[in-house]
Each structure stands twice: as structure tokens, then as C-alpha cells.
Amino acid sequence: MIDHLRDKGMPRGRSNCVFTASTPETTTCYGSYVLEDGQITWRNATRDPQTPYLIAITGGTGKYCEASGQIRVVRTQSEAGGGLYQLEVITSRKRATSQAWSR
């Protein structure tokens, strides 16, 4: 699944997501946020895909080559086939500023 990422309505990149397993108990997927200055890769296994949920940062490239921590995902607006999500990057050192992204 590919989603387009926007910040305040402006295109900022895309999100790639691959579902690797889904059972009644757990959904597992991995993906990346492909941004202008590099990528942030992540992996997620959840029992309840409803937001808010956390996804683990597994690495990055370019500006994000030292990416680590987790991303808190919150659905702020629901639409048919998607919606508006807020992504908050949380690192072990500090919390980054929240960004609003639409899918």
C-alpha cells in the first residue's frame, strides 16, 4: 500500500506499507516514510490497529540515517479509504515536534 504524505496540505513524501501477516490476534507490517531528505523505515505488530498506536523505527537514510525510537500514530480525521493521521516521532533523547500527515 502506498500513501501520500502531506504537511499542512503540501506534498512531503509517501508511505510504503507491506502487510506480512494477519491473524485474528495480530497484524504485522513493515514500511518506510519516503521523504525529501531520506527515508525512515519502521516495523509494527499490533493486536488492535485502532489509533493511537506505536510503530518501531528500524533505521533511516539521508537526513534520517541515525533514526531510532518509535512513531506514535493518531487518526485525527476519518475518510473513506483513508483519513488524516498525526505522526509523532519519539526518540530516546527527546520528543520531536508533531506533524500532521494525510493518507
Protein backbone atom coordinates (compact mmCIF):
# COMPACT_ATOMS: atom_id res chain seq x y z
CA MET A 1 0.00 0.00 0.00
CA ILE A 2 1.36 3.45 -0.90
CA ASP A 3 0.01 6.59 0.77
CA HIS A 4 0.93 10.19 0.08
CA LEU A 5 2.24 12.26 2.99
CA ARG A 6 1.32 15.92 3.34
CA ASP A 7 2.30 18.59 5.83
CA LYS A 8 -0.24 21.43 6.04
CA GLY A 9 -1.58 20.35 2.64
CA MET A 10 1.81 20.37 0.91
CA PRO A 11 3.20 17.10 -0.53
CA ARG A 12 6.14 15.88 1.59
CA GLY A 13 6.63 12.26 0.54
CA ARG A 14 4.96 8.88 0.61
CA SER A 15 4.46 5.95 2.92
CA ASN A 16 5.05 2.37 1.77
CA CYS A 17 3.47 -0.41 3.81
CA VAL A 18 3.71 -4.18 3.31
CA PHE A 19 1.46 -6.46 5.35
CA THR A 20 3.44 -9.60 6.18
CA ALA A 21 0.96 -11.45 8.38
CA SER A 22 -2.56 -11.02 9.66
CA THR A 23 -4.35 -13.24 12.13
CA PRO A 24 -7.35 -12.55 14.33
CA GLU A 25 -4.86 -11.77 17.12
CA THR A 26 -2.14 -9.73 15.36
CA THR A 27 -1.44 -7.70 12.23
CA THR A 28 2.23 -7.38 11.27
CA CYS A 29 3.61 -5.00 8.67
CA TYR A 30 6.73 -3.05 7.77
CA GLY A 31 7.30 0.03 5.69
CA SER A 32 9.02 3.32 5.16
CA TYR A 33 8.26 7.00 5.06
CA VAL A 34 9.98 8.27 1.91
CA LEU A 35 10.64 11.98 2.46
CA GLU A 36 12.51 14.71 0.58
CA ASP A 37 15.76 14.26 2.56
CA GLY A 38 15.76 10.48 3.08
CA GLN A 39 13.70 7.63 4.47
CA ILE A 40 12.55 6.41 7.88
CA THR A 41 11.95 2.65 7.98
CA TRP A 42 9.63 1.01 10.52
CA ARG A 43 8.04 -2.26 11.63
CA ASN A 44 4.80 -2.86 13.51
CA ALA A 45 2.93 -5.76 15.08
CA THR A 46 -0.33 -4.90 16.79
CA ARG A 47 -3.29 -6.64 18.30
CA ASP A 48 -5.54 -3.62 17.80
CA PRO A 49 -4.82 -1.48 14.70
CA GLN A 50 -7.03 1.33 16.00
CA THR A 51 -5.15 4.53 16.75
CA PRO A 52 -3.30 5.64 18.72
CA TYR A 53 -0.61 3.00 18.28
CA LEU A 54 3.19 2.89 18.26
CA ILE A 55 5.45 1.64 15.48
CA ALA A 56 9.15 0.89 15.92
CA ILE A 57 11.71 2.84 13.88
CA THR A 58 14.17 0.32 12.41
CA GLY A 59 16.52 2.74 10.62
CA GLY A 60 16.83 5.51 8.12
CA THR A 61 18.76 7.03 5.24
CA GLY A 62 19.98 10.52 4.32
CA LYS A 63 18.99 13.12 6.92
CA TYR A 64 17.46 10.28 8.96
CA CYS A 65 20.49 7.91 8.89
CA GLU A 66 20.60 7.83 12.71
CA ALA A 67 16.84 7.43 13.15
CA SER A 68 15.78 5.38 16.17
CA GLY A 69 12.90 5.20 18.60
CA GLN A 70 9.22 4.95 17.77
CA ILE A 71 6.42 6.77 15.97
CA ARG A 72 3.07 7.39 17.67
CA VAL A 73 0.25 7.32 15.09
CA VAL A 74 -3.07 9.06 15.83
CA ARG A 75 -6.01 9.24 13.41
CA THR A 76 -7.37 12.78 13.59
CA GLN A 77 -9.86 12.58 10.74
CA SER A 78 -11.56 9.58 9.13
CA GLU A 79 -12.46 9.43 5.45
CA ALA A 80 -13.48 6.68 3.07
CA GLY A 81 -10.30 4.82 2.13
CA GLY A 82 -8.04 6.79 4.47
CA GLY A 83 -8.04 9.85 6.62
CA LEU A 84 -5.77 12.29 8.37
CA TYR A 85 -3.09 10.96 10.71
CA GLN A 86 -0.74 12.75 13.06
CA LEU A 87 2.72 11.20 13.38
CA GLU A 88 4.86 11.97 16.41
CA VAL A 89 8.46 10.75 16.32
CA ILE A 90 9.68 9.78 19.81
CA THR A 91 13.40 9.18 20.34
CA SER A 92 15.24 8.06 23.42
CA ARG A 93 16.75 11.53 23.74
CA LYS A 94 13.72 13.75 23.18
CA ARG A 95 10.31 14.00 21.58
CA ALA A 96 10.28 15.54 18.14
CA THR A 97 7.67 18.07 17.06
CA SER A 98 4.39 16.52 15.89
CA GLN A 99 3.48 16.69 12.22
CA ALA A 100 0.08 16.20 10.60
CA TRP A 101 0.14 13.80 7.63
CA SER A 102 -2.76 12.71 5.47
CA ARG A 103 -3.10 9.30 3.85
